[in-house]
Protein backbone atom coordinates (compact mmCIF):
# COMPACT_ATOMS: atom_id res chain seq x y z
CA UNK A 1 0.00 0.00 0.00
CA UNK A 2 1.10 3.54 -0.75
CA UNK A 3 3.11 5.14 2.08
CA UNK A 4 4.82 7.83 0.02
CA UNK A 5 4.34 11.47 1.10
CA UNK A 6 1.18 12.94 -0.44
CA UNK A 7 3.00 16.01 -1.71
CA UNK A 8 4.92 13.71 -4.05
CA UNK A 9 1.67 12.96 -5.90
CA UNK A 10 0.97 14.71 -9.18
CA UNK A 11 -2.57 15.53 -8.01
CA UNK A 12 -1.09 17.41 -5.04
CA UNK A 13 0.86 19.61 -7.43
CA UNK A 14 -2.25 20.18 -9.53
CA UNK A 15 -4.21 21.20 -6.45
CA UNK A 16 -1.52 23.67 -5.49
CA UNK A 17 -1.85 25.35 -8.88
CA UNK A 18 -5.65 25.39 -8.61
CA UNK A 19 -5.49 26.93 -5.14
CA UNK A 20 -3.54 29.89 -6.45
CA UNK A 21 -6.52 30.83 -8.60
CA UNK A 22 -9.32 29.48 -6.42
CA UNK A 23 -12.58 31.24 -7.35
CA UNK A 24 -14.76 33.14 -4.91
CA UNK A 25 -17.80 31.35 -3.53
CA UNK A 26 -20.14 34.08 -4.79
CA UNK A 27 -18.73 33.73 -8.32
CA UNK A 28 -19.19 29.96 -8.24
CA UNK A 29 -22.88 30.41 -7.47
CA UNK A 30 -23.28 33.23 -10.01
CA UNK A 31 -22.15 31.06 -12.89
CA UNK A 32 -23.87 27.80 -11.89
CA UNK A 33 -27.57 27.91 -11.02
CA UNK A 34 -27.55 24.20 -10.14
CA UNK A 35 -24.46 24.38 -7.93
CA UNK A 36 -26.28 23.55 -4.68
CA UNK A 37 -27.48 20.25 -6.13
CA UNK A 38 -24.28 19.39 -7.98
CA UNK A 39 -22.11 19.89 -4.90
CA UNK A 40 -24.28 17.91 -2.49
CA UNK A 41 -24.58 14.20 -1.87
CA UNK A 42 -26.83 11.95 0.23
CA UNK A 43 -26.05 8.83 2.21
CA UNK A 44 -27.94 6.94 4.91
CA UNK A 45 -30.44 9.72 5.45
CA UNK A 46 -27.80 12.48 5.72
CA UNK A 47 -27.28 15.22 3.14
CA UNK A 48 -23.82 16.75 2.76
CA UNK A 49 -23.94 20.16 1.06
CA UNK A 50 -20.48 21.50 0.26
CA UNK A 51 -21.61 24.06 -2.30
CA UNK A 52 -20.38 26.89 -0.06
CA UNK A 53 -16.81 25.61 -0.31
CA UNK A 54 -14.28 27.18 -2.69
CA UNK A 55 -14.43 24.11 -4.88
CA UNK A 56 -15.33 23.80 -8.54
CA UNK A 57 -15.39 20.74 -10.78
CA UNK A 58 -11.68 20.97 -11.54
CA UNK A 59 -10.78 21.05 -7.85
CA UNK A 60 -13.13 18.18 -7.04
CA UNK A 61 -11.69 16.06 -9.85
CA UNK A 62 -8.15 16.74 -8.62
CA UNK A 63 -9.11 15.84 -5.03
CA UNK A 64 -10.62 12.56 -6.19
CA UNK A 65 -7.49 11.87 -8.21
CA UNK A 66 -5.42 12.53 -5.08
CA UNK A 67 -7.48 9.91 -3.21
CA UNK A 68 -6.83 7.46 -6.06
CA UNK A 69 -3.09 8.16 -6.07
CA UNK A 70 -2.96 7.76 -2.30
CA UNK A 71 -4.48 4.27 -2.63
CA UNK A 72 -7.65 5.12 -0.72
CA UNK A 73 -9.61 2.08 -1.86
CA UNK A 74 -6.78 -0.30 -0.97
CA UNK A 75 -6.40 1.24 2.48
CA UNK A 76 -10.16 1.14 3.01
CA UNK A 77 -10.26 -2.56 2.17
CA UNK A 78 -7.39 -3.29 4.58
CA UNK A 79 -9.11 -1.34 7.35
CA UNK A 80 -12.46 -3.05 6.91
CA UNK A 81 -11.08 -6.59 6.71
CA UNK A 82 -9.12 -6.14 9.94
CA UNK A 83 -5.53 -5.82 8.76
CA UNK A 84 -3.13 -4.39 11.42
CA UNK A 85 -3.11 -0.88 9.96
CA UNK A 86 -2.26 0.58 13.39
CA UNK A 87 1.39 -0.06 12.63
CA UNK A 88 3.05 1.43 15.73
CA UNK A 89 0.97 -0.76 18.05
CA UNK A 90 0.74 -3.66 15.55
CA UNK A 91 -3.03 -3.85 15.90
CA UNK A 92 -6.06 -4.12 13.70
CA UNK A 93 -8.65 -1.35 13.97
CA UNK A 94 -11.97 -3.02 14.63
CA UNK A 95 -14.46 -0.52 16.02
CA UNK A 96 -16.61 -1.05 12.92
CA UNK A 97 -16.94 -4.73 13.85
CA UNK A 98 -18.35 -3.70 17.24
CA UNK A 99 -21.46 -2.31 15.55
CA UNK A 100 -21.92 -5.11 13.02
CA UNK A 101 -24.90 -6.38 15.02
CA UNK A 102 -27.06 -5.58 18.01
CA UNK A 103 -25.79 -5.26 21.58
CA UNK A 104 -24.24 -8.62 22.63
CA UNK A 105 -26.42 -10.76 24.88
CA UNK A 106 -24.29 -10.65 28.06
CA UNK A 107 -23.92 -6.87 27.85
CA UNK A 108 -27.63 -6.41 27.26
CA UNK A 109 -28.53 -8.75 30.12
CA UNK A 110 -26.31 -6.85 32.55
CA UNK A 111 -27.79 -3.52 31.45
CA UNK A 112 -31.32 -4.84 31.92
CA UNK A 113 -30.38 -6.06 35.37
CA UNK A 114 -29.06 -2.60 36.28
CA UNK A 115 -32.10 -0.83 34.85
CA UNK A 116 -34.38 -3.14 36.79
CA UNK A 117 -32.54 -2.98 40.12
CA UNK A 118 -34.73 -0.96 42.48
CA UNK A 119 -31.77 -0.46 44.81
CA UNK A 120 -29.85 1.62 42.24
CA UNK A 121 -30.89 5.26 41.87
CA UNK A 122 -27.72 6.96 40.60
CA UNK A 123 -25.10 5.71 38.17
CA UNK A 124 -21.74 7.49 38.19
CA UNK A 125 -19.60 6.82 35.12
CA UNK A 126 -15.86 7.05 35.82
CA UNK A 127 -13.65 7.36 32.76
CA UNK A 128 -11.72 9.94 30.78
CA UNK A 129 -11.08 10.74 27.14
CA UNK A 130 -12.96 8.40 24.85
CA UNK A 131 -14.07 6.39 27.85
CA UNK A 132 -16.22 9.36 28.86
CA UNK A 133 -16.82 11.62 25.85
CA UNK A 134 -18.77 9.07 23.81
CA UNK A 135 -21.14 7.78 26.51
CA UNK A 136 -21.69 11.30 27.84
CA UNK A 137 -22.58 12.59 24.37
CA UNK A 138 -25.05 9.77 23.76
CA UNK A 139 -26.80 10.18 27.12
CA UNK A 140 -26.96 13.95 26.76
CA UNK A 141 -28.21 13.78 23.16
CA UNK A 142 -30.79 11.01 23.56
CA UNK A 143 -31.81 11.39 27.20
CA UNK A 144 -32.68 8.71 29.74
CA UNK A 145 -35.42 6.36 28.53
CA UNK A 146 -37.95 4.44 30.63
CA UNK A 147 -36.00 4.48 33.88
CA UNK A 148 -35.78 6.67 36.94
CA UNK A 149 -32.00 6.30 37.08
CA UNK A 150 -29.86 9.41 37.42
CA UNK A 151 -26.60 9.59 35.47
CA UNK A 152 -23.43 11.52 36.22
CA UNK A 153 -20.09 11.51 34.41
CA UNK A 154 -16.72 12.08 36.07
CA UNK A 155 -13.68 12.53 33.83
CA UNK A 156 -11.52 14.99 35.75
CA UNK A 157 -9.17 14.00 38.56
CA UNK A 158 -9.97 17.35 40.19
CA UNK A 159 -11.84 16.26 43.36
CA UNK A 160 -14.63 18.74 42.65
CA UNK A 161 -15.80 16.70 39.66
CA UNK A 162 -16.54 13.59 41.73
CA UNK A 163 -17.81 15.68 44.64
CA UNK A 164 -20.46 17.29 42.44
CA UNK A 165 -21.39 13.98 40.84
CA UNK A 166 -22.07 12.51 44.27
CA UNK A 167 -23.97 15.50 45.66
CA UNK A 168 -27.30 14.29 47.02
CA UNK A 169 -26.48 10.63 46.37
CA UNK A 170 -26.78 7.83 48.94
CA UNK A 171 -23.99 5.22 48.98
CA UNK A 172 -26.45 2.31 49.19
CA UNK A 173 -28.20 3.36 45.97
CA UNK A 174 -25.14 4.41 43.92
CA UNK A 175 -23.49 2.32 41.22
CA UNK A 176 -20.12 3.17 39.66
CA UNK A 177 -19.16 2.17 36.12
CA UNK A 178 -15.37 2.28 35.75
CA UNK A 179 -14.21 2.42 32.13
CA UNK A 180 -10.51 1.95 31.40
CA UNK A 181 -9.21 -0.39 28.71
CA UNK A 182 -5.99 -1.09 30.60
CA UNK A 183 -7.37 -0.46 34.08
CA UNK A 184 -4.26 1.61 34.67
CA UNK A 185 -5.54 5.05 33.62
CA UNK A 186 -4.31 7.13 36.55
CA UNK A 187 -7.08 9.74 36.62
CA UNK A 188 -9.84 7.13 36.39
CA UNK A 189 -8.34 4.86 39.05
CA UNK A 190 -7.76 7.79 41.41
CA UNK A 191 -11.45 8.64 41.13
CA UNK A 192 -12.41 4.97 41.55
CA UNK A 193 -10.37 4.71 44.75
CA UNK A 194 -12.03 7.91 46.03
CA UNK A 195 -15.44 6.42 45.21
CA UNK A 196 -14.56 3.27 47.13
CA UNK A 197 -13.61 5.37 50.16
CA UNK A 198 -16.93 7.20 49.89
CA UNK A 199 -18.75 3.86 50.00
CA UNK A 200 -17.09 3.00 53.29
CA UNK A 201 -17.31 -0.63 54.35
CA UNK A 202 -19.87 -1.58 51.68
CA UNK A 203 -19.09 -4.50 49.40
CA UNK A 204 -17.53 -3.05 46.21
CA UNK A 205 -18.80 -6.02 44.20
CA UNK A 206 -22.33 -4.60 44.41
CA UNK A 207 -21.30 -1.03 43.64
CA UNK A 208 -18.74 -1.34 40.83
CA UNK A 209 -19.00 -2.56 37.24
CA UNK A 210 -15.76 -2.49 35.24
CA UNK A 211 -15.39 -2.08 31.48
CA UNK A 212 -11.83 -3.08 30.63
CA UNK A 213 -9.43 -5.33 28.81
CA UNK A 214 -7.73 -6.14 32.12
CA UNK A 215 -10.25 -8.29 34.00
CA UNK A 216 -7.71 -9.45 36.58
CA UNK A 217 -6.97 -5.89 37.73
CA UNK A 218 -10.68 -5.04 37.81
CA UNK A 219 -11.47 -8.11 39.90
CA UNK A 220 -8.61 -7.29 42.25
CA UNK A 221 -10.08 -3.82 42.67
CA UNK A 222 -13.36 -5.38 43.73
CA UNK A 223 -15.56 -5.35 40.63
CA UNK A 224 -17.43 -8.62 40.18
CA UNK A 225 -19.08 -7.74 36.85
CA UNK A 226 -16.52 -7.06 34.11
CA UNK A 227 -17.21 -6.44 30.43
CA UNK A 228 -14.28 -6.68 27.98
CA UNK A 229 -12.90 -4.03 25.60
CA UNK A 230 -10.79 -5.48 22.76
CA UNK A 231 -7.25 -4.18 22.23
CA UNK A 232 -8.20 -3.40 18.64
CA UNK A 233 -10.71 -0.72 19.72
CA UNK A 234 -9.18 2.66 20.54
CA UNK A 235 -10.66 4.81 23.27
CA UNK A 236 -12.02 7.52 20.99
CA UNK A 237 -13.74 4.83 18.91
CA UNK A 238 -15.02 2.80 21.85
CA UNK A 239 -18.61 4.05 22.23
CA UNK A 240 -19.68 1.14 19.98
CA UNK A 241 -18.14 -1.40 22.34
CA UNK A 242 -18.89 -2.26 25.96
CA UNK A 243 -17.46 1.18 26.81
CA UNK A 244 -20.90 2.44 25.84
CA UNK A 245 -22.47 0.40 28.66
CA UNK A 246 -23.51 3.48 30.65
CA UNK A 247 -25.27 4.91 27.60
CA UNK A 248 -26.96 1.54 27.07
CA UNK A 249 -28.24 1.63 30.65
CA UNK A 250 -29.60 5.13 30.08
CA UNK A 251 -31.23 4.69 26.69
CA UNK A 252 -32.24 1.04 26.81
CA UNK A 253 -31.37 -1.67 24.32
CA UNK A 254 -33.87 -0.66 21.63
CA UNK A 255 -32.52 2.88 21.31
CA UNK A 256 -28.89 1.77 21.57
CA UNK A 257 -29.46 -0.81 18.84
CA UNK A 258 -30.86 1.99 16.66
CA UNK A 259 -27.70 3.95 17.37
CA UNK A 260 -25.59 0.99 16.23
CA UNK A 261 -27.78 0.46 13.18
CA UNK A 262 -27.35 4.05 12.04
CA UNK A 263 -23.57 3.71 12.17
CA UNK A 264 -23.83 0.40 10.31
CA UNK A 265 -25.71 2.11 7.47
CA UNK A 266 -22.85 4.57 7.06
CA UNK A 267 -20.31 1.73 7.23
CA UNK A 268 -22.00 0.02 4.29
CA UNK A 269 -22.11 3.25 2.32
CA UNK A 270 -18.44 3.97 3.06
CA UNK A 271 -17.44 0.43 2.08
CA UNK A 272 -19.25 0.37 -1.26
CA UNK A 273 -19.99 3.87 -2.60
CA UNK A 274 -17.88 5.11 -5.49
CA UNK A 275 -15.43 7.84 -4.48
CA UNK A 276 -17.34 10.66 -6.16
CA UNK A 277 -20.47 9.86 -4.12
CA UNK A 278 -18.77 8.61 -0.96
CA UNK A 279 -19.88 11.06 1.69
CA UNK A 280 -17.13 10.50 4.31
CA UNK A 281 -14.45 10.61 1.62
CA UNK A 282 -15.87 13.86 0.25
CA UNK A 283 -15.88 15.33 3.78
CA UNK A 284 -12.24 14.30 4.10
CA UNK A 285 -11.20 15.74 0.75
CA UNK A 286 -12.94 19.06 1.42
CA UNK A 287 -10.97 19.23 4.66
CA UNK A 288 -7.68 18.45 2.92
CA UNK A 289 -8.36 21.20 0.37
CA UNK A 290 -9.02 23.73 3.10
CA UNK A 291 -6.10 22.74 5.34
CA UNK A 292 -3.38 22.03 2.84
CA UNK A 293 -4.20 24.32 -0.06
CA UNK A 294 -6.21 27.22 1.34
CA UNK A 295 -4.28 27.50 4.62
CA UNK A 296 -7.17 26.96 7.03
CA UNK A 297 -5.61 25.67 10.22
CA UNK A 298 -8.86 25.78 12.23
CA UNK A 299 -12.20 24.08 11.81
CA UNK A 300 -15.45 24.98 13.58
CA UNK A 301 -18.23 22.45 14.20
CA UNK A 302 -21.54 24.26 14.69
CA UNK A 303 -24.49 22.02 15.60
CA UNK A 304 -27.83 23.83 15.42
CA UNK A 305 -29.44 21.38 17.82
CA UNK A 306 -29.20 21.60 21.59
CA UNK A 307 -29.09 17.80 21.80
CA UNK A 308 -25.74 17.89 19.97
CA UNK A 309 -24.11 20.50 22.19
CA UNK A 310 -21.40 18.03 23.28
CA UNK A 311 -20.55 17.00 19.71
CA UNK A 312 -17.69 19.53 19.26
CA UNK A 313 -15.94 18.22 22.38
CA UNK A 314 -16.37 14.64 21.16
CA UNK A 315 -14.98 15.51 17.72
CA UNK A 316 -12.04 17.40 19.20
CA UNK A 317 -10.68 14.14 20.51
CA UNK A 318 -11.71 12.10 17.48
CA UNK A 319 -9.98 14.40 14.99
CA UNK A 320 -7.07 15.95 16.86
CA UNK A 321 -5.97 12.83 18.73
CA UNK A 322 -6.30 10.75 15.57
CA UNK A 323 -4.67 13.05 13.03
CA UNK A 324 -2.64 15.49 15.09
CA UNK A 325 0.60 13.87 13.94
CA UNK A 326 4.02 15.19 12.89
CA UNK A 327 5.51 12.02 11.38
CA UNK A 328 4.13 9.78 8.67
CA UNK A 329 3.70 6.01 8.52
CA UNK A 330 7.39 5.55 7.76
CA UNK A 331 8.49 7.73 10.69
CA UNK A 332 9.44 10.68 8.47
CA UNK A 333 8.68 14.22 9.67
CA UNK A 334 5.90 15.68 7.54
CA UNK A 335 6.35 18.98 5.74
CA UNK A 336 2.64 19.61 5.23
CA UNK A 337 -0.23 20.33 7.60
CA UNK A 338 -2.27 17.53 9.17
CA UNK A 339 -5.27 17.91 11.51
CA UNK A 340 -6.64 21.44 12.01
CA UNK A 341 -7.52 22.80 15.43
CA UNK A 342 -11.17 21.87 15.97
CA UNK A 343 -13.53 23.88 18.13
CA UNK A 344 -17.22 24.67 18.22
CA UNK A 345 -20.39 25.37 20.11
CA UNK A 346 -24.07 24.79 19.66
CA UNK A 347 -25.99 27.40 17.69
CA UNK A 348 -27.23 29.91 18.51
CA UNK A 349 -24.97 30.15 21.56
CA UNK A 350 -21.80 30.36 19.47
CA UNK A 351 -23.21 33.28 17.48
CA UNK A 352 -22.85 35.41 20.60
CA UNK A 353 -19.35 34.11 21.28
CA UNK A 354 -16.82 33.49 18.49
CA UNK A 355 -18.75 34.05 15.23
CA UNK A 356 -17.35 37.58 15.11
CA UNK A 357 -13.98 36.04 14.27
CA UNK A 358 -15.54 33.72 11.70
CA UNK A 359 -17.07 36.64 9.82
CA UNK A 360 -14.49 39.40 10.18
CA UNK A 361 -11.37 37.92 11.77
CA UNK A 362 -8.07 37.59 9.95
CA UNK A 363 -7.42 33.80 10.29
CA UNK A 364 -9.48 31.77 7.81
CA UNK A 365 -11.67 29.16 9.51
CA UNK A 366 -13.65 26.40 7.78
CA UNK A 367 -16.94 25.33 9.33
CA UNK A 368 -19.46 22.51 9.44
CA UNK A 369 -23.06 23.46 10.14
CA UNK A 370 -25.17 20.56 11.42
CA UNK A 371 -28.93 20.89 11.16
CA UNK A 372 -32.00 18.69 11.54
CA UNK A 373 -34.87 18.80 9.05
CA UNK A 374 -37.43 17.85 11.69
CA UNK A 375 -37.33 19.22 15.22
CA UNK A 376 -39.59 18.76 18.21
CA UNK A 377 -40.90 21.67 20.25
CA UNK A 378 -42.30 25.12 19.73
CA UNK A 379 -42.61 25.77 15.98
CA UNK A 380 -41.61 29.45 16.19
CA UNK A 381 -38.30 28.75 17.94
CA UNK A 382 -37.50 25.74 15.77
CA UNK A 383 -38.06 27.86 12.65
CA UNK A 384 -35.83 30.59 14.07
CA UNK A 385 -33.06 28.09 14.79
CA UNK A 386 -33.17 26.73 11.24
CA UNK A 387 -33.21 30.23 9.75
CA UNK A 388 -30.17 31.24 11.79
CA UNK A 389 -28.17 28.24 10.59
CA UNK A 390 -28.87 28.99 6.94
CA UNK A 391 -28.32 32.72 7.43
CA UNK A 392 -24.96 32.26 9.12
CA UNK A 393 -23.73 29.92 6.37
CA UNK A 394 -24.83 32.42 3.71
CA UNK A 395 -23.28 35.33 5.59
CA UNK A 396 -19.96 33.52 5.73
CA UNK A 397 -20.11 32.65 2.04
CA UNK A 398 -21.42 35.88 0.52
CA UNK A 399 -20.72 38.57 3.13
CA UNK A 400 -21.91 42.17 2.90
CA UNK A 401 -19.71 44.42 0.80
CA UNK A 402 -22.31 46.92 -0.42
CA UNK A 403 -20.93 50.26 -1.49
CA UNK A 404 -21.28 52.85 1.20
CA UNK A 405 -20.96 50.48 4.13
CA UNK A 406 -18.71 51.73 6.88
CA UNK A 407 -15.51 49.64 7.01
CA UNK A 408 -16.33 48.09 10.37
CA UNK A 409 -19.63 46.80 8.99
CA UNK A 410 -18.14 45.02 6.00
CA UNK A 411 -18.17 41.22 6.08
CA UNK A 412 -15.97 40.12 3.18
CA UNK A 413 -17.57 36.72 2.74
CA UNK A 414 -15.82 33.98 0.75
CA UNK A 415 -15.54 31.96 3.99
CA UNK A 416 -16.01 28.28 3.46
CA UNK A 417 -18.54 26.02 5.16
CA UNK A 418 -20.40 22.76 4.61
CA UNK A 419 -23.78 21.71 5.94
CA UNK A 420 -24.71 18.25 7.20
CA UNK A 421 -28.48 17.87 7.32
CA UNK A 422 -29.96 15.03 9.40
CA UNK A 423 -33.56 13.88 9.20
CA UNK A 424 -33.86 14.52 12.95
CA UNK A 425 -31.74 14.11 16.05
CA UNK A 426 -32.49 10.59 17.27
CA UNK A 427 -30.53 7.45 18.03
CA UNK A 428 -30.19 6.26 14.43
CA UNK A 429 -29.12 9.64 13.11
CA UNK A 430 -26.65 10.17 15.93
CA UNK A 431 -25.05 6.85 15.00
CA UNK A 432 -24.91 7.93 11.37
CA UNK A 433 -23.31 11.26 12.24
CA UNK A 434 -20.55 9.84 14.43
CA UNK A 435 -19.70 7.15 11.88
CA UNK A 436 -19.46 9.76 9.12
CA UNK A 437 -16.87 11.72 11.07
CA UNK A 438 -14.96 8.55 12.01
CA UNK A 439 -14.61 7.51 8.38
CA UNK A 440 -13.72 11.07 7.40
CA UNK A 441 -10.83 10.92 9.89
CA UNK A 442 -9.65 7.59 8.49
CA UNK A 443 -9.75 8.90 4.91
CA UNK A 444 -7.76 12.00 5.86
CA UNK A 445 -5.19 9.78 7.55
CA UNK A 446 -4.81 7.93 4.25
CA UNK A 447 -4.35 11.18 2.34
CA UNK A 448 -1.82 12.52 4.85
CA UNK A 449 -0.02 9.15 5.15
CA UNK A 450 -0.31 9.09 8.93
CA UNK A 451 -1.48 6.49 11.45
CA UNK A 452 -4.83 7.77 12.74
CA UNK A 453 -5.10 5.12 15.44
CA UNK A 454 -2.26 5.72 17.89
CA UNK A 455 -1.70 8.65 20.28
CA UNK A 456 1.87 8.58 21.50
CA UNK A 457 1.95 12.33 21.98
CA UNK A 458 -0.05 12.12 25.21
CA UNK A 459 2.42 9.76 26.88
CA UNK A 460 5.20 12.24 27.63
CA UNK A 461 3.07 14.34 29.97
CA UNK A 462 1.99 11.22 31.86
CA UNK A 463 5.60 10.12 32.35
CA UNK A 464 6.64 13.56 33.56
CA UNK A 465 3.71 13.70 36.00
CA UNK A 466 4.77 10.40 37.53
CA UNK A 467 8.33 11.70 37.98
CA UNK A 468 7.06 14.90 39.60
CA UNK A 469 4.84 12.93 41.99
CA UNK A 470 7.69 10.61 42.92
CA UNK A 471 9.87 13.61 43.84
CA UNK A 472 7.12 15.13 45.98
CA UNK A 473 6.33 12.00 47.95
CA UNK A 474 7.99 11.86 51.42
């Protein structure tokens, strides 16, 4: 498979030449009345509209040629059949296999037991990184279904996080779910030990469930019920595995199976759609164009749905931990940009925060607007929310440069964005959305010739912290 630097590809050189004369978004629309339809594609109930990008047919053809030269289809096949494409850890990447069917029987049975246990009133999920961001997003987006259970999430080793999660809780009616693939994650175990002290002399076997690949350590800690996480599933991709157990307890098996099914629909599309209609690949290529050829080192994710307010935080880890790399698959330092800095906020909250920079700031920022065609609730406010999303995307693209405007009122426009339109925000569409971004990240890793599935950069800080602690101990 191709592991040569992407900037050695002829398509990369062609794209560089095209970028130097990239047309303005307003001009692209002016000369193509059907642009919105021609630069949109649908997959698994999601519509991806990238007509407000600075992309014409020549740029799109060159991007697709770049994917071909990079061996995208060969890499995709290797990924989906379980080859060890995580080369630094010599592992396959098998989170897609975790959603190939419904929730496994033992996991479902344990969740039903928890949901039906009248002694349990509050569940406190202890984990960090992907062991927390995914389950927390799902519970926040979908809510708690058909149970009186209360859910709290603790990811920070700062004692205040656990203290607030336990406020008002009774030890006898509290259950802790400890999620750590190795069962050595220092922040998570520190919180688990603090939780055990809070329980006092109570039997930990009744109050702890462990989700881990290290059953022996979990049992030694006192957890009797242990669900496994495979080595081939990275933390930021683990919501589909038993790491999503807390979300399963909150939503119930029917909703969680819908969540898995939505992701599975996108998996099938990604596996079989031709490149020119492959939605995750197109998302990836648009990002490569913006980052590597138009110099956009930041990317904003702007969900116009309150249920998706935690999505930007989830995607920060997914994208920046996966593709924030400085060496390629052969260990060579890269001389081109990789992952942009990702940030975001739910609309319309972000409009009153950082949109000023998006419209009139000096650094160029690409954006994804995420909208839902159908929304529940008061019609007037839902209509206003949808109008704001469309208006902000148009304002970024076309600006306001009318003659006579005072300089401080001018919005230059020509600022790129895409729109992902879901049918509605529910379990199936949430699964679709997360899978789209996962496959986008993989495809960009192929283009940039980097390993998207390791994260060695976070290890140095951990090692230094241990040294500092050892020096401070009496």
